[in-house]
Amino acid sequence: MKYSRFEWLAMLVGSASIAGAVLATSRHGVPVEEGLAQALLLLVLVGAVHWGRRGGSIMAGIAAAAYLAMRVPLLVRDGLSADVAGLLVTHLFTYGVVGIGGGELCGRVRYLLARLESAENIDEPTALFNQRAITPVLCAMVGRYERYGESFAIVTIAIGDEAVTRPKSGPQRLLLLSVASRIRSGVRLVDDVARMDDGRFLIVMPHTPKAGAKVAAERLSGSVVRLLGASPEAVRTEILAVDGDLAAIRALSGLPKLPEGPAASDVAA
């Protein structure tokens, strides 16, 4: 099963369950705000399933803020009574579990499905995609850019310590796995993360401009530096955006060079 099919199935089942809960509350005279609180859970579910833990966390925050705003009149009228506090804690906890926990689970399911589909596509030490798997993804994205102008960016992360990139002992392999998990959890679910044959980590970020990729690269490199307890110079990043670095991305993808003459923007048009 591909993750896209799992995504639609999860959204369908979740939507049906939430719709049933909203319908049940409306029939039993439950306040409209509580029905809307159930509906907000669908927003959190979509964020978790489609964007992973990061998207689920953002949607959970939005849903929590919206629910608190709806319940301001109740707080003003009754104060923070035990019943009101119970309602708030229940809904906020549910949003957090679905958004953060569900997003993390969906991220793991995605890589599990990829592993089951073909073990040859997974880098065994890190459980990320390997170069064999990410190369067709890059080729496809370059093709979509050249045909339809769909932009994307690439971030590579290189770690100078060979004890991490080429581990030989159990503790070193565990550290490499921790670095991979830190990078994977720091990006969106729609982003693809791979470990290249030369030891670099590569992140493909659809619909992302170079400025956005630079922010993500700085955040990720800082997180890895803190994890390793290393100096900032030990972790190097490179940002490539298809709008200005098409030739470099084509080379990274193993695609032939563009013929001399038309510019990359002409090809994309």
C-alpha atoms as a PDB file:
ATOM      1  CA  MET A   1       0.000   0.000   0.000  1.00  0.00           C
ATOM      2  CA  LYS A   2       1.298   3.455  -0.892  1.00  0.00           C
ATOM      3  CA  TYR A   3       1.112   6.194   1.733  1.00  0.00           C
ATOM      4  CA  SER A   4      -1.240   8.295  -0.412  1.00  0.00           C
ATOM      5  CA  ARG A   5      -3.812   5.509  -0.221  1.00  0.00           C
ATOM      6  CA  PHE A   6      -3.311   5.175   3.530  1.00  0.00           C
ATOM      7  CA  GLU A   7      -3.677   8.969   3.825  1.00  0.00           C
ATOM      8  CA  TRP A   8      -7.048   9.005   2.096  1.00  0.00           C
ATOM      9  CA  LEU A   9      -8.226   5.982   4.078  1.00  0.00           C
ATOM     10  CA  ALA A  10      -7.232   7.575   7.389  1.00  0.00           C
ATOM     11  CA  MET A  11      -8.951  10.845   6.470  1.00  0.00           C
ATOM     12  CA  LEU A  12     -12.091   9.018   5.321  1.00  0.00           C
ATOM     13  CA  VAL A  13     -12.394   6.959   8.518  1.00  0.00           C
ATOM     14  CA  GLY A  14     -11.519   9.928  10.717  1.00  0.00           C
ATOM     15  CA  SER A  15     -13.972  12.227   8.941  1.00  0.00           C
ATOM     16  CA  ALA A  16     -16.769   9.690   9.234  1.00  0.00           C
ATOM     17  CA  SER A  17     -16.098   9.219  12.964  1.00  0.00           C
ATOM     18  CA  ILE A  18     -15.976  12.947  13.648  1.00  0.00           C
ATOM     19  CA  ALA A  19     -19.099  13.593  11.545  1.00  0.00           C
ATOM     20  CA  GLY A  20     -20.910  10.931  13.552  1.00  0.00           C
ATOM     21  CA  ALA A  21     -19.833  12.545  16.820  1.00  0.00           C
ATOM     22  CA  VAL A  22     -20.997  15.987  15.629  1.00  0.00           C
ATOM     23  CA  LEU A  23     -24.352  14.561  14.560  1.00  0.00           C
ATOM     24  CA  ALA A  24     -24.793  12.794  17.895  1.00  0.00           C
ATOM     25  CA  THR A  25     -24.068  15.936  19.878  1.00  0.00           C
ATOM     26  CA  SER A  26     -26.530  17.979  17.795  1.00  0.00           C
ATOM     27  CA  ARG A  27     -29.330  15.477  18.419  1.00  0.00           C
ATOM     28  CA  HIS A  28     -28.830  15.430  22.198  1.00  0.00           C
ATOM     29  CA  GLY A  29     -28.994  19.166  22.717  1.00  0.00           C
ATOM     30  CA  VAL A  30     -25.275  19.606  23.316  1.00  0.00           C
ATOM     31  CA  PRO A  31     -24.116  23.241  22.896  1.00  0.00           C
ATOM     32  CA  VAL A  32     -23.092  24.254  19.385  1.00  0.00           C
ATOM     33  CA  GLU A  33     -19.600  25.059  20.640  1.00  0.00           C
ATOM     34  CA  GLU A  34     -19.028  21.414  21.545  1.00  0.00           C
ATOM     35  CA  GLY A  35     -20.102  20.313  18.080  1.00  0.00           C
ATOM     36  CA  LEU A  36     -17.677  22.809  16.562  1.00  0.00           C
ATOM     37  CA  ALA A  37     -14.978  21.482  18.887  1.00  0.00           C
ATOM     38  CA  GLN A  38     -15.475  18.049  17.350  1.00  0.00           C
ATOM     39  CA  ALA A  39     -15.306  19.561  13.871  1.00  0.00           C
ATOM     40  CA  LEU A  40     -12.006  21.247  14.751  1.00  0.00           C
ATOM     41  CA  LEU A  41     -10.621  17.791  15.414  1.00  0.00           C
ATOM     42  CA  LEU A  42     -10.944  17.088  11.677  1.00  0.00           C
ATOM     43  CA  LEU A  43      -8.628  20.029  10.991  1.00  0.00           C
ATOM     44  CA  VAL A  44      -6.061  18.544  13.365  1.00  0.00           C
ATOM     45  CA  LEU A  45      -6.422  15.113  11.774  1.00  0.00           C
ATOM     46  CA  VAL A  46      -5.787  16.497   8.283  1.00  0.00           C
ATOM     47  CA  GLY A  47      -2.678  18.294   9.512  1.00  0.00           C
ATOM     48  CA  ALA A  48      -1.316  15.165  11.181  1.00  0.00           C
ATOM     49  CA  VAL A  49      -2.000  12.773   8.313  1.00  0.00           C
ATOM     50  CA  HIS A  50      -0.856  15.057   5.495  1.00  0.00           C
ATOM     51  CA  TRP A  51       1.981  17.055   7.092  1.00  0.00           C
ATOM     52  CA  GLY A  52       3.129  14.815   9.938  1.00  0.00           C
ATOM     53  CA  ARG A  53       3.977  15.830  13.489  1.00  0.00           C
ATOM     54  CA  ARG A  54       4.943  19.398  12.590  1.00  0.00           C
ATOM     55  CA  GLY A  55       1.722  20.056  10.652  1.00  0.00           C
ATOM     56  CA  GLY A  56      -0.351  18.275  13.271  1.00  0.00           C
ATOM     57  CA  SER A  57       1.196  20.408  16.016  1.00  0.00           C
ATOM     58  CA  ILE A  58       0.391  23.618  14.153  1.00  0.00           C
ATOM     59  CA  MET A  59      -3.187  22.539  13.488  1.00  0.00           C
ATOM     60  CA  ALA A  60      -3.583  21.440  17.104  1.00  0.00           C
ATOM     61  CA  GLY A  61      -2.489  24.904  18.219  1.00  0.00           C
ATOM     62  CA  ILE A  62      -4.944  26.570  15.836  1.00  0.00           C
ATOM     63  CA  ALA A  63      -7.784  24.308  16.984  1.00  0.00           C
ATOM     64  CA  ALA A  64      -6.950  24.924  20.666  1.00  0.00           C
ATOM     65  CA  ALA A  65      -6.909  28.691  20.153  1.00  0.00           C
ATOM     66  CA  ALA A  66     -10.229  28.567  18.277  1.00  0.00           C
ATOM     67  CA  TYR A  67     -11.862  26.443  20.983  1.00  0.00           C
ATOM     68  CA  LEU A  68     -10.640  28.715  23.771  1.00  0.00           C
ATOM     69  CA  ALA A  69     -11.979  31.727  21.870  1.00  0.00           C
ATOM     70  CA  MET A  70     -15.389  30.042  21.557  1.00  0.00           C
ATOM     71  CA  ARG A  71     -15.428  29.289  25.275  1.00  0.00           C
ATOM     72  CA  VAL A  72     -14.546  32.804  26.477  1.00  0.00           C
ATOM     73  CA  PRO A  73     -18.257  33.654  27.168  1.00  0.00           C
ATOM     74  CA  LEU A  74     -18.570  30.485  29.266  1.00  0.00           C
ATOM     75  CA  LEU A  75     -15.453  31.380  31.248  1.00  0.00           C
ATOM     76  CA  VAL A  76     -16.752  34.901  31.822  1.00  0.00           C
ATOM     77  CA  ARG A  77     -20.121  33.589  32.983  1.00  0.00           C
ATOM     78  CA  ASP A  78     -19.127  30.602  35.159  1.00  0.00           C
ATOM     79  CA  GLY A  79     -15.438  31.185  35.804  1.00  0.00           C
ATOM     80  CA  LEU A  80     -12.952  28.314  35.776  1.00  0.00           C
ATOM     81  CA  SER A  81     -15.199  25.810  37.522  1.00  0.00           C
ATOM     82  CA  ALA A  82     -14.400  22.097  37.665  1.00  0.00           C
ATOM     83  CA  ASP A  83     -16.800  21.354  34.787  1.00  0.00           C
ATOM     84  CA  VAL A  84     -15.392  24.096  32.574  1.00  0.00           C
ATOM     85  CA  ALA A  85     -11.813  23.082  33.367  1.00  0.00           C
ATOM     86  CA  GLY A  86     -12.678  19.479  32.512  1.00  0.00           C
ATOM     87  CA  LEU A  87     -14.029  20.518  29.113  1.00  0.00           C
ATOM     88  CA  LEU A  88     -10.971  22.616  28.326  1.00  0.00           C
ATOM     89  CA  VAL A  89      -8.458  19.990  29.415  1.00  0.00           C
ATOM     90  CA  THR A  90     -10.258  17.206  27.547  1.00  0.00           C
ATOM     91  CA  HIS A  91     -10.395  19.036  24.227  1.00  0.00           C
ATOM     92  CA  LEU A  92      -6.905  20.521  24.413  1.00  0.00           C
ATOM     93  CA  PHE A  93      -5.436  17.143  25.356  1.00  0.00           C
ATOM     94  CA  THR A  94      -7.290  15.452  22.481  1.00  0.00           C
ATOM     95  CA  TYR A  95      -6.024  18.021  19.972  1.00  0.00           C
ATOM     96  CA  GLY A  96      -2.488  17.486  21.216  1.00  0.00           C
ATOM     97  CA  VAL A  97      -2.657  13.702  21.064  1.00  0.00           C
ATOM     98  CA  VAL A  98      -4.154  13.635  17.563  1.00  0.00           C
ATOM     99  CA  GLY A  99      -1.897  16.383  16.213  1.00  0.00           C
ATOM    100  CA  ILE A 100       1.461  15.480  17.742  1.00  0.00           C
ATOM    101  CA  GLY A 101       1.056  11.772  18.439  1.00  0.00           C
ATOM    102  CA  GLY A 102      -0.932  11.096  15.277  1.00  0.00           C
ATOM    103  CA  GLY A 103       1.528  13.070  13.157  1.00  0.00           C
ATOM    104  CA  GLU A 104       4.495  11.151  14.550  1.00  0.00           C
ATOM    105  CA  LEU A 105       2.681   7.864  13.939  1.00  0.00           C
ATOM    106  CA  CYS A 106       1.848   8.810  10.349  1.00  0.00           C
ATOM    107  CA  GLY A 107       5.479   9.686   9.698  1.00  0.00           C
ATOM    108  CA  ARG A 108       6.538   6.238  10.899  1.00  0.00           C
ATOM    109  CA  VAL A 109       3.809   4.547   8.865  1.00  0.00           C
ATOM    110  CA  ARG A 110       5.032   6.268   5.722  1.00  0.00           C
ATOM    111  CA  TYR A 111       8.537   4.877   6.064  1.00  0.00           C
ATOM    112  CA  LEU A 112       7.219   1.476   7.154  1.00  0.00           C
ATOM    113  CA  LEU A 113       5.123   1.265   3.974  1.00  0.00           C
ATOM    114  CA  ALA A 114       8.149   2.255   1.911  1.00  0.00           C
ATOM    115  CA  ARG A 115      10.192  -0.438   3.658  1.00  0.00           C
ATOM    116  CA  LEU A 116       7.530  -3.066   2.986  1.00  0.00           C
ATOM    117  CA  GLU A 117       7.199  -1.978  -0.631  1.00  0.00           C
ATOM    118  CA  SER A 118      10.898  -2.417  -1.265  1.00  0.00           C
ATOM    119  CA  ALA A 119      13.661  -2.859   1.266  1.00  0.00           C
ATOM    120  CA  GLU A 120      16.081  -1.699  -1.431  1.00  0.00           C
ATOM    121  CA  ASN A 121      14.677   1.829  -1.103  1.00  0.00           C
ATOM    122  CA  ILE A 122      15.605   2.197   2.579  1.00  0.00           C
ATOM    123  CA  ASP A 123      18.955   3.122   4.086  1.00  0.00           C
ATOM    124  CA  GLU A 124      19.242   0.462   6.779  1.00  0.00           C
ATOM    125  CA  PRO A 125      21.351   2.399   9.358  1.00  0.00           C
ATOM    126  CA  THR A 126      18.963   5.375   9.425  1.00  0.00           C
ATOM    127  CA  ALA A 127      15.612   3.940   8.204  1.00  0.00           C
ATOM    128  CA  LEU A 128      15.436   6.885   5.768  1.00  0.00           C
ATOM    129  CA  PHE A 129      15.187   6.663   1.996  1.00  0.00           C
ATOM    130  CA  ASN A 130      18.471   5.907   0.266  1.00  0.00           C
ATOM    131  CA  GLN A 131      19.977   7.445  -2.873  1.00  0.00           C
ATOM    132  CA  ARG A 132      18.387   4.768  -5.034  1.00  0.00           C
ATOM    133  CA  ALA A 133      14.928   5.815  -3.799  1.00  0.00           C
ATOM    134  CA  ILE A 134      15.387   9.600  -3.809  1.00  0.00           C
ATOM    135  CA  THR A 135      16.873   9.870  -7.300  1.00  0.00           C
ATOM    136  CA  PRO A 136      13.589   9.036  -9.117  1.00  0.00           C
ATOM    137  CA  VAL A 137      11.817  11.533  -6.839  1.00  0.00           C
ATOM    138  CA  LEU A 138      14.247  14.265  -7.884  1.00  0.00           C
ATOM    139  CA  CYS A 139      13.918  13.355 -11.554  1.00  0.00           C
ATOM    140  CA  ALA A 140      10.126  13.495 -11.322  1.00  0.00           C
ATOM    141  CA  MET A 141      10.183  16.875  -9.582  1.00  0.00           C
ATOM    142  CA  VAL A 142      12.585  18.308 -12.149  1.00  0.00           C
ATOM    143  CA  GLY A 143      10.212  17.076 -14.846  1.00  0.00           C
ATOM    144  CA  ARG A 144       7.222  18.743 -13.190  1.00  0.00           C
ATOM    145  CA  TYR A 145       9.176  21.977 -12.865  1.00  0.00           C
ATOM    146  CA  GLU A 146      10.176  21.950 -16.527  1.00  0.00           C
ATOM    147  CA  ARG A 147       6.621  21.172 -17.649  1.00  0.00           C
ATOM    148  CA  TYR A 148       4.429  23.035 -15.182  1.00  0.00           C
ATOM    149  CA  GLY A 149       6.755  25.362 -13.266  1.00  0.00           C
ATOM    150  CA  GLU A 150       6.215  23.599  -9.908  1.00  0.00           C
ATOM    151  CA  SER A 151       8.958  24.919  -7.658  1.00  0.00           C
ATOM    152  CA  PHE A 152      10.856  22.998  -5.012  1.00  0.00           C
ATOM    153  CA  ALA A 153      14.060  23.247  -3.005  1.00  0.00           C
ATOM    154  CA  ILE A 154      16.713  20.862  -1.755  1.00  0.00           C
ATOM    155  CA  VAL A 155      18.703  21.010   1.475  1.00  0.00           C
ATOM    156  CA  THR A 156      21.779  18.856   2.015  1.00  0.00           C
ATOM    157  CA  ILE A 157      23.349  18.366   5.441  1.00  0.00           C
ATOM    158  CA  ALA A 158      26.919  17.109   5.708  1.00  0.00           C
ATOM    159  CA  ILE A 159      28.460  16.130   9.037  1.00  0.00           C
ATOM    160  CA  GLY A 160      32.235  16.350   9.272  1.00  0.00           C
ATOM    161  CA  ASP A 161      32.669  13.632  11.907  1.00  0.00           C
ATOM    162  CA  GLU A 162      33.174  10.254  10.203  1.00  0.00           C
ATOM    163  CA  ALA A 163      32.301   8.506  13.449  1.00  0.00           C
ATOM    164  CA  VAL A 164      28.751   9.679  12.717  1.00  0.00           C
ATOM    165  CA  THR A 165      28.628   9.379   8.936  1.00  0.00           C
ATOM    166  CA  ARG A 166      30.531   6.059   8.783  1.00  0.00           C
ATOM    167  CA  PRO A 167      29.793   4.410  12.132  1.00  0.00           C
ATOM    168  CA  LYS A 168      31.701   1.285  13.118  1.00  0.00           C
ATOM    169  CA  SER A 169      30.471   0.630  16.656  1.00  0.00           C
ATOM    170  CA  GLY A 170      27.081   0.237  18.273  1.00  0.00           C
ATOM    171  CA  PRO A 171      27.085   3.645  20.020  1.00  0.00           C
ATOM    172  CA  GLN A 172      28.146   5.362  16.785  1.00  0.00           C
ATOM    173  CA  ARG A 173      25.346   3.662  14.837  1.00  0.00           C
ATOM    174  CA  LEU A 174      22.877   4.695  17.521  1.00  0.00           C
ATOM    175  CA  LEU A 175      24.075   8.300  17.244  1.00  0.00           C
ATOM    176  CA  LEU A 176      23.639   8.227  13.461  1.00  0.00           C
ATOM    177  CA  LEU A 177      20.102   6.921  13.911  1.00  0.00           C
ATOM    178  CA  SER A 178      19.402   9.723  16.421  1.00  0.00           C
ATOM    179  CA  VAL A 179      20.636  12.329  13.930  1.00  0.00           C
ATOM    180  CA  ALA A 180      18.428  10.852  11.196  1.00  0.00           C
ATOM    181  CA  SER A 181      15.406  10.858  13.511  1.00  0.00           C
ATOM    182  CA  ARG A 182      16.086  14.463  14.507  1.00  0.00           C
ATOM    183  CA  ILE A 183      16.187  15.559  10.866  1.00  0.00           C
ATOM    184  CA  ARG A 184      13.095  13.547   9.925  1.00  0.00           C
ATOM    185  CA  SER A 185      11.050  14.936  12.811  1.00  0.00           C
ATOM    186  CA  GLY A 186      12.150  18.487  11.971  1.00  0.00           C
ATOM    187  CA  VAL A 187      10.569  18.632   8.512  1.00  0.00           C
ATOM    188  CA  ARG A 188       7.092  18.310   7.083  1.00  0.00           C
ATOM    189  CA  LEU A 189       5.597  14.949   6.186  1.00  0.00           C
ATOM    190  CA  VAL A 190       5.392  16.055   2.544  1.00  0.00           C
ATOM    191  CA  ASP A 191       9.181  16.528   2.528  1.00  0.00           C
ATOM    192  CA  ASP A 192      11.305  13.542   1.528  1.00  0.00           C
ATOM    193  CA  VAL A 193      14.456  12.780   3.535  1.00  0.00           C
ATOM    194  CA  ALA A 194      17.235  10.500   2.320  1.00  0.00           C
ATOM    195  CA  ARG A 195      20.790   9.526   3.209  1.00  0.00           C
ATOM    196  CA  MET A 196      23.026   9.659   0.173  1.00  0.00           C
ATOM    197  CA  ASP A 197      25.791   7.207  -0.645  1.00  0.00           C
ATOM    198  CA  ASP A 198      28.423   9.774   0.393  1.00  0.00           C
ATOM    199  CA  GLY A 199      26.872  10.113   3.861  1.00  0.00           C
ATOM    200  CA  ARG A 200      25.062  13.423   3.330  1.00  0.00           C
ATOM    201  CA  PHE A 201      21.434  13.874   4.325  1.00  0.00           C
ATOM    202  CA  LEU A 202      19.214  15.254   1.571  1.00  0.00           C
ATOM    203  CA  ILE A 203      15.805  16.855   2.106  1.00  0.00           C
ATOM    204  CA  VAL A 204      13.480  17.507  -0.843  1.00  0.00           C
ATOM    205  CA  MET A 205      10.967  20.270  -0.052  1.00  0.00           C
ATOM    206  CA  PRO A 206       8.072  20.648  -2.525  1.00  0.00           C
ATOM    207  CA  HIS A 207       6.603  24.100  -3.175  1.00  0.00           C
ATOM    208  CA  THR A 208       9.311  25.771  -1.110  1.00  0.00           C
ATOM    209  CA  PRO A 209      11.300  28.877  -2.173  1.00  0.00           C
ATOM    210  CA  LYS A 210      14.987  29.217  -1.424  1.00  0.00           C
ATOM    211  CA  ALA A 211      14.327  31.615   1.457  1.00  0.00           C
ATOM    212  CA  GLY A 212      12.052  29.090   3.140  1.00  0.00           C
ATOM    213  CA  ALA A 213      14.561  26.280   2.571  1.00  0.00           C
ATOM    214  CA  LYS A 214      17.294  28.435   4.121  1.00  0.00           C
ATOM    215  CA  VAL A 215      15.238  28.912   7.289  1.00  0.00           C
ATOM    216  CA  ALA A 216      14.614  25.163   7.471  1.00  0.00           C
ATOM    217  CA  ALA A 217      18.317  24.410   6.878  1.00  0.00           C
ATOM    218  CA  GLU A 218      19.396  26.722   9.693  1.00  0.00           C
ATOM    219  CA  ARG A 219      16.879  25.178  12.061  1.00  0.00           C
ATOM    220  CA  LEU A 220      17.887  21.613  11.171  1.00  0.00           C
ATOM    221  CA  SER A 221      21.629  22.234  11.331  1.00  0.00           C
ATOM    222  CA  GLY A 222      21.253  23.941  14.701  1.00  0.00           C
ATOM    223  CA  SER A 223      19.256  20.977  16.002  1.00  0.00           C
ATOM    224  CA  VAL A 224      21.897  18.503  14.804  1.00  0.00           C
ATOM    225  CA  VAL A 225      24.725  20.595  16.296  1.00  0.00           C
ATOM    226  CA  ARG A 226      22.984  20.574  19.677  1.00  0.00           C
ATOM    227  CA  LEU A 227      22.391  16.836  19.469  1.00  0.00           C
ATOM    228  CA  LEU A 228      26.050  16.120  18.667  1.00  0.00           C
ATOM    229  CA  GLY A 229      27.439  18.751  21.040  1.00  0.00           C
ATOM    230  CA  ALA A 230      29.653  19.864  18.167  1.00  0.00           C
ATOM    231  CA  SER A 231      30.725  23.241  16.821  1.00  0.00           C
ATOM    232  CA  PRO A 232      28.541  24.846  14.114  1.00  0.00           C
ATOM    233  CA  GLU A 233      31.359  24.348  11.589  1.00  0.00           C
ATOM    234  CA  ALA A 234      31.036  20.566  11.980  1.00  0.00           C
ATOM    235  CA  VAL A 235      27.648  20.574  10.231  1.00  0.00           C
ATOM    236  CA  ARG A 236      27.523  22.080   6.748  1.00  0.00           C
ATOM    237  CA  THR A 237      24.390  22.781   4.767  1.00  0.00           C
ATOM    238  CA  GLU A 238      23.738  23.582   1.124  1.00  0.00           C
ATOM    239  CA  ILE A 239      20.494  24.982  -0.270  1.00  0.00           C
ATOM    240  CA  LEU A 240      19.464  24.509  -3.893  1.00  0.00           C
ATOM    241  CA  ALA A 241      16.280  25.999  -5.349  1.00  0.00           C
ATOM    242  CA  VAL A 242      15.086  24.827  -8.728  1.00  0.00           C
ATOM    243  CA  ASP A 243      14.364  28.411  -9.828  1.00  0.00           C
ATOM    244  CA  GLY A 244      18.067  29.297  -9.750  1.00  0.00           C
ATOM    245  CA  ASP A 245      19.988  26.051  -9.355  1.00  0.00           C
ATOM    246  CA  LEU A 246      18.380  23.813 -11.962  1.00  0.00           C
ATOM    247  CA  ALA A 247      21.703  22.700 -13.471  1.00  0.00           C
ATOM    248  CA  ALA A 248      23.054  21.631 -10.066  1.00  0.00           C
ATOM    249  CA  ILE A 249      19.839  19.775  -9.233  1.00  0.00           C
ATOM    250  CA  ARG A 250      19.859  17.998 -12.592  1.00  0.00           C
ATOM    251  CA  ALA A 251      23.441  16.910 -11.921  1.00  0.00           C
ATOM    252  CA  LEU A 252      22.474  15.691  -8.453  1.00  0.00           C
ATOM    253  CA  SER A 253      19.602  13.742 -10.017  1.00  0.00           C
ATOM    254  CA  GLY A 254      21.859  12.142 -12.606  1.00  0.00           C
ATOM    255  CA  LEU A 255      20.021  13.897 -15.444  1.00  0.00           C
ATOM    256  CA  PRO A 256      21.931  15.104 -18.517  1.00  0.00           C
ATOM    257  CA  LYS A 257      22.887  18.749 -18.822  1.00  0.00           C
ATOM    258  CA  LEU A 258      20.500  21.084 -20.595  1.00  0.00           C
ATOM    259  CA  PRO A 259      21.526  21.968 -24.144  1.00  0.00           C
ATOM    260  CA  GLU A 260      23.226  25.309 -24.574  1.00  0.00           C
ATOM    261  CA  GLY A 261      20.893  28.106 -25.592  1.00  0.00           C
ATOM    262  CA  PRO A 262      17.589  28.462 -23.720  1.00  0.00           C
ATOM    263  CA  ALA A 263      17.744  29.460 -20.076  1.00  0.00           C
ATOM    264  CA  ALA A 264      16.226  27.354 -17.359  1.00  0.00           C
ATOM    265  CA  SER A 265      13.296  29.753 -17.105  1.00  0.00           C
ATOM    266  CA  ASP A 266      12.587  29.266 -20.807  1.00  0.00           C
ATOM    267  CA  VAL A 267      12.576  25.505 -20.354  1.00  0.00           C
ATOM    268  CA  ALA A 268      10.202  25.765 -17.388  1.00  0.00           C
ATOM    269  CA  ALA A 269       7.855  27.969 -19.426  1.00  0.00           C
END
